[in-house]
Amino acid sequence: MLELLDDIRDRAESAPHLVAVRLGEESVTYGALHDGITSYAAVMDRHGMSAHAALYATLLNCMPSIARIGAAAEQNRVVGEVVAWLARHLPGDQGRGHLRAVS
């Protein structure tokens, strides 16, 4: 997961306005993801939580439709798919989700 966080940071630095992921009518850029992760990281650290939690909190904040999913298991599945999409180009098992590219 640290590779993914580093990748998001690198992409935010080079192309902050590039859409990182789109879910339904919502989209979030690499810049917004990185800003959110950075903001939440301080809160998570203060409460003994990992940087991974900052990514999840950022996704829920930037893509409110995920937070509106009623069943926790379905919400976790959707977040997992989004994380897999973000990591699809990284080595290892991180990028094995069911989302697909659309134009």
PDB file of N, CA and C in Angstrom:
ATOM      1  N   MET A   1       0.823  -1.199   0.000  1.00  0.00           N
ATOM      2  CA  MET A   1       0.000   0.000   0.000  1.00  0.00           C
ATOM      3  C   MET A   1       0.864   1.258   0.000  1.00  0.00           C
ATOM      4  N   LEU A   2       2.048   1.189   0.598  1.00  0.00           N
ATOM      5  CA  LEU A   2       2.914   2.365   0.581  1.00  0.00           C
ATOM      6  C   LEU A   2       3.334   2.723  -0.840  1.00  0.00           C
ATOM      7  N   GLU A   3       3.498   1.707  -1.696  1.00  0.00           N
ATOM      8  CA  GLU A   3       3.797   1.989  -3.106  1.00  0.00           C
ATOM      9  C   GLU A   3       2.674   2.805  -3.732  1.00  0.00           C
ATOM     10  N   LEU A   4       1.445   2.467  -3.395  1.00  0.00           N
ATOM     11  CA  LEU A   4       0.303   3.194  -3.943  1.00  0.00           C
ATOM     12  C   LEU A   4       0.296   4.634  -3.448  1.00  0.00           C
ATOM     13  N   LEU A   5       0.531   4.841  -2.168  1.00  0.00           N
ATOM     14  CA  LEU A   5       0.542   6.199  -1.630  1.00  0.00           C
ATOM     15  C   LEU A   5       1.662   7.026  -2.269  1.00  0.00           C
ATOM     16  N   ASP A   6       2.821   6.406  -2.465  1.00  0.00           N
ATOM     17  CA  ASP A   6       3.928   7.089  -3.145  1.00  0.00           C
ATOM     18  C   ASP A   6       3.560   7.420  -4.591  1.00  0.00           C
ATOM     19  N   ASP A   7       2.895   6.488  -5.260  1.00  0.00           N
ATOM     20  CA  ASP A   7       2.487   6.706  -6.645  1.00  0.00           C
ATOM     21  C   ASP A   7       1.483   7.855  -6.742  1.00  0.00           C
ATOM     22  N   ILE A   8       0.540   7.903  -5.829  1.00  0.00           N
ATOM     23  CA  ILE A   8      -0.441   8.996  -5.825  1.00  0.00           C
ATOM     24  C   ILE A   8       0.280  10.327  -5.626  1.00  0.00           C
ATOM     25  N   ARG A   9       1.228  10.364  -4.700  1.00  0.00           N
ATOM     26  CA  ARG A   9       2.000  11.590  -4.460  1.00  0.00           C
ATOM     27  C   ARG A   9       2.751  12.010  -5.726  1.00  0.00           C
ATOM     28  N   ASP A  10       3.435  11.061  -6.360  1.00  0.00           N
ATOM     29  CA  ASP A  10       4.204  11.368  -7.564  1.00  0.00           C
ATOM     30  C   ASP A  10       3.306  11.877  -8.688  1.00  0.00           C
ATOM     31  N   ARG A  11       2.180  11.244  -8.869  1.00  0.00           N
ATOM     32  CA  ARG A  11       1.253  11.673  -9.923  1.00  0.00           C
ATOM     33  C   ARG A  11       0.637  13.037  -9.593  1.00  0.00           C
ATOM     34  N   ALA A  12       0.377  13.289  -8.313  1.00  0.00           N
ATOM     35  CA  ALA A  12      -0.164  14.592  -7.904  1.00  0.00           C
ATOM     36  C   ALA A  12       0.835  15.706  -8.178  1.00  0.00           C
ATOM     37  N   GLU A  13       2.120  15.400  -8.013  1.00  0.00           N
ATOM     38  CA  GLU A  13       3.139  16.406  -8.282  1.00  0.00           C
ATOM     39  C   GLU A  13       3.273  16.699  -9.776  1.00  0.00           C
ATOM     40  N   SER A  14       3.148  15.671 -10.605  1.00  0.00           N
ATOM     41  CA  SER A  14       3.353  15.866 -12.045  1.00  0.00           C
ATOM     42  C   SER A  14       2.074  16.225 -12.802  1.00  0.00           C
ATOM     43  N   ALA A  15       0.927  15.754 -12.336  1.00  0.00           N
ATOM     44  CA  ALA A  15      -0.338  16.001 -13.047  1.00  0.00           C
ATOM     45  C   ALA A  15      -1.493  16.076 -12.050  1.00  0.00           C
ATOM     46  N   PRO A  16      -1.533  17.124 -11.236  1.00  0.00           N
ATOM     47  CA  PRO A  16      -2.535  17.185 -10.159  1.00  0.00           C
ATOM     48  C   PRO A  16      -3.992  17.194 -10.633  1.00  0.00           C
ATOM     49  N   HIS A  17      -4.229  17.643 -11.854  1.00  0.00           N
ATOM     50  CA  HIS A  17      -5.608  17.734 -12.347  1.00  0.00           C
ATOM     51  C   HIS A  17      -6.064  16.483 -13.100  1.00  0.00           C
ATOM     52  N   LEU A  18      -5.176  15.516 -13.226  1.00  0.00           N
ATOM     53  CA  LEU A  18      -5.518  14.268 -13.905  1.00  0.00           C
ATOM     54  C   LEU A  18      -6.487  13.457 -13.038  1.00  0.00           C
ATOM     55  N   VAL A  19      -7.574  12.996 -13.637  1.00  0.00           N
ATOM     56  CA  VAL A  19      -8.545  12.194 -12.893  1.00  0.00           C
ATOM     57  C   VAL A  19      -7.913  10.854 -12.530  1.00  0.00           C
ATOM     58  N   ALA A  20      -7.934  10.541 -11.253  1.00  0.00           N
ATOM     59  CA  ALA A  20      -7.361   9.288 -10.751  1.00  0.00           C
ATOM     60  C   ALA A  20      -8.370   8.155 -10.867  1.00  0.00           C
ATOM     61  N   VAL A  21      -9.609   8.453 -10.509  1.00  0.00           N
ATOM     62  CA  VAL A  21     -10.657   7.431 -10.563  1.00  0.00           C
ATOM     63  C   VAL A  21     -12.008   8.120 -10.705  1.00  0.00           C
ATOM     64  N   ARG A  22     -12.882   7.445 -11.406  1.00  0.00           N
ATOM     65  CA  ARG A  22     -14.250   7.922 -11.601  1.00  0.00           C
ATOM     66  C   ARG A  22     -15.176   6.794 -11.149  1.00  0.00           C
ATOM     67  N   LEU A  23     -16.186   7.159 -10.392  1.00  0.00           N
ATOM     68  CA  LEU A  23     -17.156   6.178  -9.908  1.00  0.00           C
ATOM     69  C   LEU A  23     -18.537   6.792 -10.098  1.00  0.00           C
ATOM     70  N   GLY A  24     -19.272   6.254 -11.042  1.00  0.00           N
ATOM     71  CA  GLY A  24     -20.571   6.856 -11.368  1.00  0.00           C
ATOM     72  C   GLY A  24     -20.350   8.262 -11.883  1.00  0.00           C
ATOM     73  N   GLU A  25     -21.012   9.212 -11.291  1.00  0.00           N
ATOM     74  CA  GLU A  25     -20.884  10.609 -11.703  1.00  0.00           C
ATOM     75  C   GLU A  25     -19.762  11.336 -10.976  1.00  0.00           C
ATOM     76  N   GLU A  26     -19.126  10.689 -10.015  1.00  0.00           N
ATOM     77  CA  GLU A  26     -18.081  11.329  -9.219  1.00  0.00           C
ATOM     78  C   GLU A  26     -16.702  10.978  -9.754  1.00  0.00           C
ATOM     79  N   SER A  27     -15.802  11.944  -9.643  1.00  0.00           N
ATOM     80  CA  SER A  27     -14.411  11.678  -9.994  1.00  0.00           C
ATOM     81  C   SER A  27     -13.526  12.417  -8.998  1.00  0.00           C
ATOM     82  N   VAL A  28     -12.310  11.935  -8.872  1.00  0.00           N
ATOM     83  CA  VAL A  28     -11.344  12.574  -7.980  1.00  0.00           C
ATOM     84  C   VAL A  28      -9.999  12.601  -8.696  1.00  0.00           C
ATOM     85  N   THR A  29      -9.305  13.719  -8.578  1.00  0.00           N
ATOM     86  CA  THR A  29      -8.007  13.881  -9.222  1.00  0.00           C
ATOM     87  C   THR A  29      -6.895  13.389  -8.301  1.00  0.00           C
ATOM     88  N   TYR A  30      -5.726  13.193  -8.900  1.00  0.00           N
ATOM     89  CA  TYR A  30      -4.571  12.812  -8.089  1.00  0.00           C
ATOM     90  C   TYR A  30      -4.212  13.915  -7.104  1.00  0.00           C
ATOM     91  N   GLY A  31      -4.365  15.169  -7.511  1.00  0.00           N
ATOM     92  CA  GLY A  31      -4.086  16.279  -6.606  1.00  0.00           C
ATOM     93  C   GLY A  31      -5.002  16.269  -5.395  1.00  0.00           C
ATOM     94  N   ALA A  32      -6.292  16.060  -5.624  1.00  0.00           N
ATOM     95  CA  ALA A  32      -7.248  16.017  -4.518  1.00  0.00           C
ATOM     96  C   ALA A  32      -6.994  14.821  -3.612  1.00  0.00           C
ATOM     97  N   LEU A  33      -6.663  13.682  -4.214  1.00  0.00           N
ATOM     98  CA  LEU A  33      -6.335  12.502  -3.399  1.00  0.00           C
ATOM     99  C   LEU A  33      -5.137  12.776  -2.509  1.00  0.00           C
ATOM    100  N   HIS A  34      -4.081  13.307  -3.096  1.00  0.00           N
ATOM    101  CA  HIS A  34      -2.868  13.566  -2.319  1.00  0.00           C
ATOM    102  C   HIS A  34      -3.131  14.594  -1.221  1.00  0.00           C
ATOM    103  N   ASP A  35      -3.842  15.669  -1.547  1.00  0.00           N
ATOM    104  CA  ASP A  35      -4.160  16.682  -0.534  1.00  0.00           C
ATOM    105  C   ASP A  35      -4.960  16.082   0.616  1.00  0.00           C
ATOM    106  N   GLY A  36      -5.948  15.247   0.277  1.00  0.00           N
ATOM    107  CA  GLY A  36      -6.754  14.612   1.312  1.00  0.00           C
ATOM    108  C   GLY A  36      -5.945  13.657   2.172  1.00  0.00           C
ATOM    109  N   ILE A  37      -5.123  12.848   1.528  1.00  0.00           N
ATOM    110  CA  ILE A  37      -4.289  11.892   2.270  1.00  0.00           C
ATOM    111  C   ILE A  37      -3.364  12.644   3.217  1.00  0.00           C
ATOM    112  N   THR A  38      -2.764  13.720   2.727  1.00  0.00           N
ATOM    113  CA  THR A  38      -1.861  14.520   3.557  1.00  0.00           C
ATOM    114  C   THR A  38      -2.610  15.120   4.746  1.00  0.00           C
ATOM    115  N   SER A  39      -3.789  15.652   4.503  1.00  0.00           N
ATOM    116  CA  SER A  39      -4.585  16.250   5.576  1.00  0.00           C
ATOM    117  C   SER A  39      -5.015  15.220   6.612  1.00  0.00           C
ATOM    118  N   TYR A  40      -5.507  14.090   6.132  1.00  0.00           N
ATOM    119  CA  TYR A  40      -5.973  13.054   7.048  1.00  0.00           C
ATOM    120  C   TYR A  40      -4.824  12.348   7.762  1.00  0.00           C
ATOM    121  N   ALA A  41      -3.638  12.337   7.170  1.00  0.00           N
ATOM    122  CA  ALA A  41      -2.506  11.619   7.769  1.00  0.00           C
ATOM    123  C   ALA A  41      -2.200  12.140   9.167  1.00  0.00           C
ATOM    124  N   ALA A  42      -2.264  13.443   9.356  1.00  0.00           N
ATOM    125  CA  ALA A  42      -1.991  14.011  10.676  1.00  0.00           C
ATOM    126  C   ALA A  42      -3.025  13.539  11.698  1.00  0.00           C
ATOM    127  N   VAL A  43      -4.278  13.503  11.304  1.00  0.00           N
ATOM    128  CA  VAL A  43      -5.347  13.043  12.196  1.00  0.00           C
ATOM    129  C   VAL A  43      -5.173  11.561  12.509  1.00  0.00           C
ATOM    130  N   MET A  44      -4.904  10.771  11.485  1.00  0.00           N
ATOM    131  CA  MET A  44      -4.742   9.331  11.676  1.00  0.00           C
ATOM    132  C   MET A  44      -3.554   9.035  12.589  1.00  0.00           C
ATOM    133  N   ASP A  45      -2.458   9.746  12.378  1.00  0.00           N
ATOM    134  CA  ASP A  45      -1.263   9.553  13.200  1.00  0.00           C
ATOM    135  C   ASP A  45      -1.550   9.891  14.660  1.00  0.00           C
ATOM    136  N   ARG A  46      -2.278  10.967  14.875  1.00  0.00           N
ATOM    137  CA  ARG A  46      -2.626  11.392  16.233  1.00  0.00           C
ATOM    138  C   ARG A  46      -3.451  10.331  16.957  1.00  0.00           C
ATOM    139  N   HIS A  47      -4.208   9.544  16.208  1.00  0.00           N
ATOM    140  CA  HIS A  47      -5.066   8.522  16.801  1.00  0.00           C
ATOM    141  C   HIS A  47      -4.507   7.113  16.633  1.00  0.00           C
ATOM    142  N   GLY A  48      -3.237   7.027  16.234  1.00  0.00           N
ATOM    143  CA  GLY A  48      -2.577   5.732  16.127  1.00  0.00           C
ATOM    144  C   GLY A  48      -3.033   4.891  14.947  1.00  0.00           C
ATOM    145  N   MET A  49      -3.532   5.540  13.918  1.00  0.00           N
ATOM    146  CA  MET A  49      -3.994   4.823  12.728  1.00  0.00           C
ATOM    147  C   MET A  49      -2.956   4.951  11.619  1.00  0.00           C
ATOM    148  N   SER A  50      -3.038   4.075  10.638  1.00  0.00           N
ATOM    149  CA  SER A  50      -2.042   4.037   9.575  1.00  0.00           C
ATOM    150  C   SER A  50      -2.333   5.046   8.468  1.00  0.00           C
ATOM    151  N   ALA A  51      -1.342   5.211   7.605  1.00  0.00           N
ATOM    152  CA  ALA A  51      -1.516   6.061   6.424  1.00  0.00           C
ATOM    153  C   ALA A  51      -2.573   5.479   5.499  1.00  0.00           C
ATOM    154  N   HIS A  52      -2.767   4.163   5.551  1.00  0.00           N
ATOM    155  CA  HIS A  52      -3.794   3.524   4.723  1.00  0.00           C
ATOM    156  C   HIS A  52      -5.171   4.066   5.091  1.00  0.00           C
ATOM    157  N   ALA A  53      -5.379   4.290   6.392  1.00  0.00           N
ATOM    158  CA  ALA A  53      -6.657   4.827   6.845  1.00  0.00           C
ATOM    159  C   ALA A  53      -6.896   6.212   6.259  1.00  0.00           C
ATOM    160  N   ALA A  54      -5.818   6.972   6.058  1.00  0.00           N
ATOM    161  CA  ALA A  54      -5.949   8.303   5.451  1.00  0.00           C
ATOM    162  C   ALA A  54      -6.453   8.193   4.016  1.00  0.00           C
ATOM    163  N   LEU A  55      -5.985   7.174   3.283  1.00  0.00           N
ATOM    164  CA  LEU A  55      -6.475   6.960   1.921  1.00  0.00           C
ATOM    165  C   LEU A  55      -7.964   6.636   1.935  1.00  0.00           C
ATOM    166  N   TYR A  56      -8.369   5.725   2.795  1.00  0.00           N
ATOM    167  CA  TYR A  56      -9.781   5.346   2.871  1.00  0.00           C
ATOM    168  C   TYR A  56     -10.649   6.534   3.262  1.00  0.00           C
ATOM    169  N   ALA A  57     -10.199   7.326   4.248  1.00  0.00           N
ATOM    170  CA  ALA A  57     -10.967   8.505   4.664  1.00  0.00           C
ATOM    171  C   ALA A  57     -11.076   9.503   3.513  1.00  0.00           C
ATOM    172  N   THR A  58      -9.987   9.669   2.766  1.00  0.00           N
ATOM    173  CA  THR A  58      -9.999  10.582   1.628  1.00  0.00           C
ATOM    174  C   THR A  58     -10.978  10.115   0.560  1.00  0.00           C
ATOM    175  N   LEU A  59     -10.974   8.822   0.273  1.00  0.00           N
ATOM    176  CA  LEU A  59     -11.915   8.303  -0.723  1.00  0.00           C
ATOM    177  C   LEU A  59     -13.358   8.546  -0.292  1.00  0.00           C
ATOM    178  N   LEU A  60     -13.663   8.303   0.974  1.00  0.00           N
ATOM    179  CA  LEU A  60     -15.031   8.517   1.462  1.00  0.00           C
ATOM    180  C   LEU A  60     -15.408   9.994   1.413  1.00  0.00           C
ATOM    181  N   ASN A  61     -14.443  10.872   1.652  1.00  0.00           N
ATOM    182  CA  ASN A  61     -14.704  12.305   1.610  1.00  0.00           C
ATOM    183  C   ASN A  61     -14.856  12.809   0.176  1.00  0.00           C
ATOM    184  N   CYS A  62     -13.991  12.365  -0.718  1.00  0.00           N
ATOM    185  CA  CYS A  62     -14.002  12.852  -2.101  1.00  0.00           C
ATOM    186  C   CYS A  62     -15.070  12.195  -2.960  1.00  0.00           C
ATOM    187  N   MET A  63     -15.536  11.025  -2.547  1.00  0.00           N
ATOM    188  CA  MET A  63     -16.544  10.288  -3.315  1.00  0.00           C
ATOM    189  C   MET A  63     -17.693   9.917  -2.366  1.00  0.00           C
ATOM    190  N   PRO A  64     -18.532  10.887  -2.032  1.00  0.00           N
ATOM    191  CA  PRO A  64     -19.573  10.663  -1.030  1.00  0.00           C
ATOM    192  C   PRO A  64     -20.542   9.521  -1.346  1.00  0.00           C
ATOM    193  N   SER A  65     -20.652   9.147  -2.614  1.00  0.00           N
ATOM    194  CA  SER A  65     -21.559   8.037  -2.938  1.00  0.00           C
ATOM    195  C   SER A  65     -21.101   6.739  -2.267  1.00  0.00           C
ATOM    196  N   ILE A  66     -19.810   6.595  -2.037  1.00  0.00           N
ATOM    197  CA  ILE A  66     -19.315   5.407  -1.339  1.00  0.00           C
ATOM    198  C   ILE A  66     -19.836   5.393   0.091  1.00  0.00           C
ATOM    199  N   ALA A  67     -19.806   6.552   0.737  1.00  0.00           N
ATOM    200  CA  ALA A  67     -20.268   6.637   2.124  1.00  0.00           C
ATOM    201  C   ALA A  67     -21.773   6.383   2.238  1.00  0.00           C
ATOM    202  N   ARG A  68     -22.502   6.610   1.142  1.00  0.00           N
ATOM    203  CA  ARG A  68     -23.961   6.398   1.175  1.00  0.00           C
ATOM    204  C   ARG A  68     -24.360   4.942   0.956  1.00  0.00           C
ATOM    205  N   ILE A  69     -23.402   4.090   0.643  1.00  0.00           N
ATOM    206  CA  ILE A  69     -23.714   2.668   0.478  1.00  0.00           C
ATOM    207  C   ILE A  69     -24.076   2.117   1.847  1.00  0.00           C
ATOM    208  N   GLY A  70     -25.239   1.531   1.958  1.00  0.00           N
ATOM    209  CA  GLY A  70     -25.741   1.109   3.259  1.00  0.00           C
ATOM    210  C   GLY A  70     -24.991  -0.039   3.907  1.00  0.00           C
ATOM    211  N   ALA A  71     -24.774  -1.103   3.192  1.00  0.00           N
ATOM    212  CA  ALA A  71     -24.156  -2.292   3.774  1.00  0.00           C
ATOM    213  C   ALA A  71     -22.641  -2.115   3.850  1.00  0.00           C
ATOM    214  N   ALA A  72     -22.088  -2.349   5.038  1.00  0.00           N
ATOM    215  CA  ALA A  72     -20.651  -2.181   5.246  1.00  0.00           C
ATOM    216  C   ALA A  72     -19.833  -3.084   4.328  1.00  0.00           C
ATOM    217  N   ALA A  73     -20.286  -4.298   4.122  1.00  0.00           N
ATOM    218  CA  ALA A  73     -19.547  -5.226   3.262  1.00  0.00           C
ATOM    219  C   ALA A  73     -19.490  -4.704   1.824  1.00  0.00           C
ATOM    220  N   GLU A  74     -20.586  -4.148   1.344  1.00  0.00           N
ATOM    221  CA  GLU A  74     -20.611  -3.597  -0.013  1.00  0.00           C
ATOM    222  C   GLU A  74     -19.744  -2.350  -0.098  1.00  0.00           C
ATOM    223  N   GLN A  75     -19.788  -1.514   0.923  1.00  0.00           N
ATOM    224  CA  GLN A  75     -18.945  -0.325   0.960  1.00  0.00           C
ATOM    225  C   GLN A  75     -17.468  -0.730   0.919  1.00  0.00           C
ATOM    226  N   ASN A  76     -17.097  -1.736   1.698  1.00  0.00           N
ATOM    227  CA  ASN A  76     -15.712  -2.223   1.696  1.00  0.00           C
ATOM    228  C   ASN A  76     -15.321  -2.781   0.330  1.00  0.00           C
ATOM    229  N   ARG A  77     -16.248  -3.471  -0.315  1.00  0.00           N
ATOM    230  CA  ARG A  77     -15.966  -4.028  -1.635  1.00  0.00           C
ATOM    231  C   ARG A  77     -15.700  -2.913  -2.643  1.00  0.00           C
ATOM    232  N   VAL A  78     -16.526  -1.883  -2.619  1.00  0.00           N
ATOM    233  CA  VAL A  78     -16.369  -0.770  -3.554  1.00  0.00           C
ATOM    234  C   VAL A  78     -15.051  -0.038  -3.299  1.00  0.00           C
ATOM    235  N   VAL A  79     -14.727   0.228  -2.049  1.00  0.00           N
ATOM    236  CA  VAL A  79     -13.459   0.882  -1.732  1.00  0.00           C
ATOM    237  C   VAL A  79     -12.299   0.007  -2.203  1.00  0.00           C
ATOM    238  N   GLY A  80     -12.403  -1.293  -2.004  1.00  0.00           N
ATOM    239  CA  GLY A  80     -11.373  -2.213  -2.466  1.00  0.00           C
ATOM    240  C   GLY A  80     -11.194  -2.152  -3.975  1.00  0.00           C
ATOM    241  N   GLU A  81     -12.299  -2.050  -4.701  1.00  0.00           N
ATOM    242  CA  GLU A  81     -12.236  -1.938  -6.156  1.00  0.00           C
ATOM    243  C   GLU A  81     -11.570  -0.630  -6.580  1.00  0.00           C
ATOM    244  N   VAL A  82     -11.885   0.454  -5.883  1.00  0.00           N
ATOM    245  CA  VAL A  82     -11.271   1.746  -6.200  1.00  0.00           C
ATOM    246  C   VAL A  82      -9.769   1.686  -5.938  1.00  0.00           C
ATOM    247  N   VAL A  83      -9.370   1.122  -4.810  1.00  0.00           N
ATOM    248  CA  VAL A  83      -7.946   0.990  -4.484  1.00  0.00           C
ATOM    249  C   VAL A  83      -7.260   0.106  -5.528  1.00  0.00           C
ATOM    250  N   ALA A  84      -7.899  -0.981  -5.909  1.00  0.00           N
ATOM    251  CA  ALA A  84      -7.327  -1.858  -6.934  1.00  0.00           C
ATOM    252  C   ALA A  84      -7.159  -1.106  -8.253  1.00  0.00           C
ATOM    253  N   TRP A  85      -8.129  -0.274  -8.609  1.00  0.00           N
ATOM    254  CA  TRP A  85      -8.028   0.508  -9.841  1.00  0.00           C
ATOM    255  C   TRP A  85      -6.852   1.473  -9.759  1.00  0.00           C
ATOM    256  N   LEU A  86      -6.713   2.153  -8.638  1.00  0.00           N
ATOM    257  CA  LEU A  86      -5.612   3.105  -8.479  1.00  0.00           C
ATOM    258  C   LEU A  86      -4.251   2.407  -8.575  1.00  0.00           C
ATOM    259  N   ALA A  87      -4.201   1.153  -8.143  1.00  0.00           N
ATOM    260  CA  ALA A  87      -2.935   0.410  -8.115  1.00  0.00           C
ATOM    261  C   ALA A  87      -2.761  -0.510  -9.317  1.00  0.00           C
ATOM    262  N   ARG A  88      -3.602  -0.398 -10.314  1.00  0.00           N
ATOM    263  CA  ARG A  88      -3.622  -1.358 -11.415  1.00  0.00           C
ATOM    264  C   ARG A  88      -2.310  -1.470 -12.169  1.00  0.00           C
ATOM    265  N   HIS A  89      -1.511  -0.431 -12.171  1.00  0.00           N
ATOM    266  CA  HIS A  89      -0.254  -0.438 -12.919  1.00  0.00           C
ATOM    267  C   HIS A  89       0.958  -0.769 -12.034  1.00  0.00           C
ATOM    268  N   LEU A  90       0.732  -0.962 -10.742  1.00  0.00           N
ATOM    269  CA  LEU A  90       1.830  -1.273  -9.827  1.00  0.00           C
ATOM    270  C   LEU A  90       2.088  -2.774  -9.807  1.00  0.00           C
ATOM    271  N   PRO A  91       3.320  -3.177  -9.524  1.00  0.00           N
ATOM    272  CA  PRO A  91       3.612  -4.615  -9.472  1.00  0.00           C
ATOM    273  C   PRO A  91       2.926  -5.284  -8.291  1.00  0.00           C
ATOM    274  N   GLY A  92       2.685  -6.562  -8.407  1.00  0.00           N
ATOM    275  CA  GLY A  92       2.065  -7.313  -7.312  1.00  0.00           C
ATOM    276  C   GLY A  92       0.570  -7.449  -7.478  1.00  0.00           C
ATOM    277  N   ASP A  93      -0.083  -7.810  -6.400  1.00  0.00           N
ATOM    278  CA  ASP A  93      -1.516  -8.093  -6.430  1.00  0.00           C
ATOM    279  C   ASP A  93      -2.379  -6.873  -6.162  1.00  0.00           C
ATOM    280  N   GLN A  94      -1.792  -5.707  -6.005  1.00  0.00           N
ATOM    281  CA  GLN A  94      -2.561  -4.532  -5.623  1.00  0.00           C
ATOM    282  C   GLN A  94      -3.612  -4.148  -6.648  1.00  0.00           C
ATOM    283  N   GLY A  95      -3.362  -4.383  -7.918  1.00  0.00           N
ATOM    284  CA  GLY A  95      -4.233  -3.855  -8.955  1.00  0.00           C
ATOM    285  C   GLY A  95      -5.169  -4.851  -9.585  1.00  0.00           C
ATOM    286  N   ARG A  96      -5.677  -5.794  -8.838  1.00  0.00           N
ATOM    287  CA  ARG A  96      -6.551  -6.810  -9.410  1.00  0.00           C
ATOM    288  C   ARG A  96      -8.009  -6.562  -9.018  1.00  0.00           C
ATOM    289  N   GLY A  97      -8.631  -5.595  -9.660  1.00  0.00           N
ATOM    290  CA  GLY A  97     -10.014  -5.290  -9.370  1.00  0.00           C
ATOM    291  C   GLY A  97     -10.890  -5.539 -10.566  1.00  0.00           C
ATOM    292  N   HIS A  98     -12.148  -5.116 -10.468  1.00  0.00           N
ATOM    293  CA  HIS A  98     -13.103  -5.347 -11.535  1.00  0.00           C
ATOM    294  C   HIS A  98     -13.516  -4.057 -12.246  1.00  0.00           C
ATOM    295  N   LEU A  99     -13.000  -2.915 -11.805  1.00  0.00           N
ATOM    296  CA  LEU A  99     -13.333  -1.681 -12.499  1.00  0.00           C
ATOM    297  C   LEU A  99     -12.650  -1.688 -13.856  1.00  0.00           C
ATOM    298  N   ARG A 100     -13.191  -0.901 -14.773  1.00  0.00           N
ATOM    299  CA  ARG A 100     -12.608  -0.863 -16.098  1.00  0.00           C
ATOM    300  C   ARG A 100     -12.525   0.581 -16.573  1.00  0.00           C
ATOM    301  N   ALA A 101     -11.668   0.813 -17.520  1.00  0.00           N
ATOM    302  CA  ALA A 101     -11.504   2.168 -18.067  1.00  0.00           C
ATOM    303  C   ALA A 101     -12.704   2.496 -18.931  1.00  0.00           C
ATOM    304  N   VAL A 102     -13.149   3.740 -18.821  1.00  0.00           N
ATOM    305  CA  VAL A 102     -14.237   4.232 -19.680  1.00  0.00           C
ATOM    306  C   VAL A 102     -13.819   5.596 -20.194  1.00  0.00           C
ATOM    307  N   SER A 103     -14.382   5.974 -21.323  1.00  0.00           N
ATOM    308  CA  SER A 103     -14.058   7.302 -21.858  1.00  0.00           C
ATOM    309  C   SER A 103     -15.328   8.099 -22.046  1.00  0.00           C
TER     310      SER A 103
END
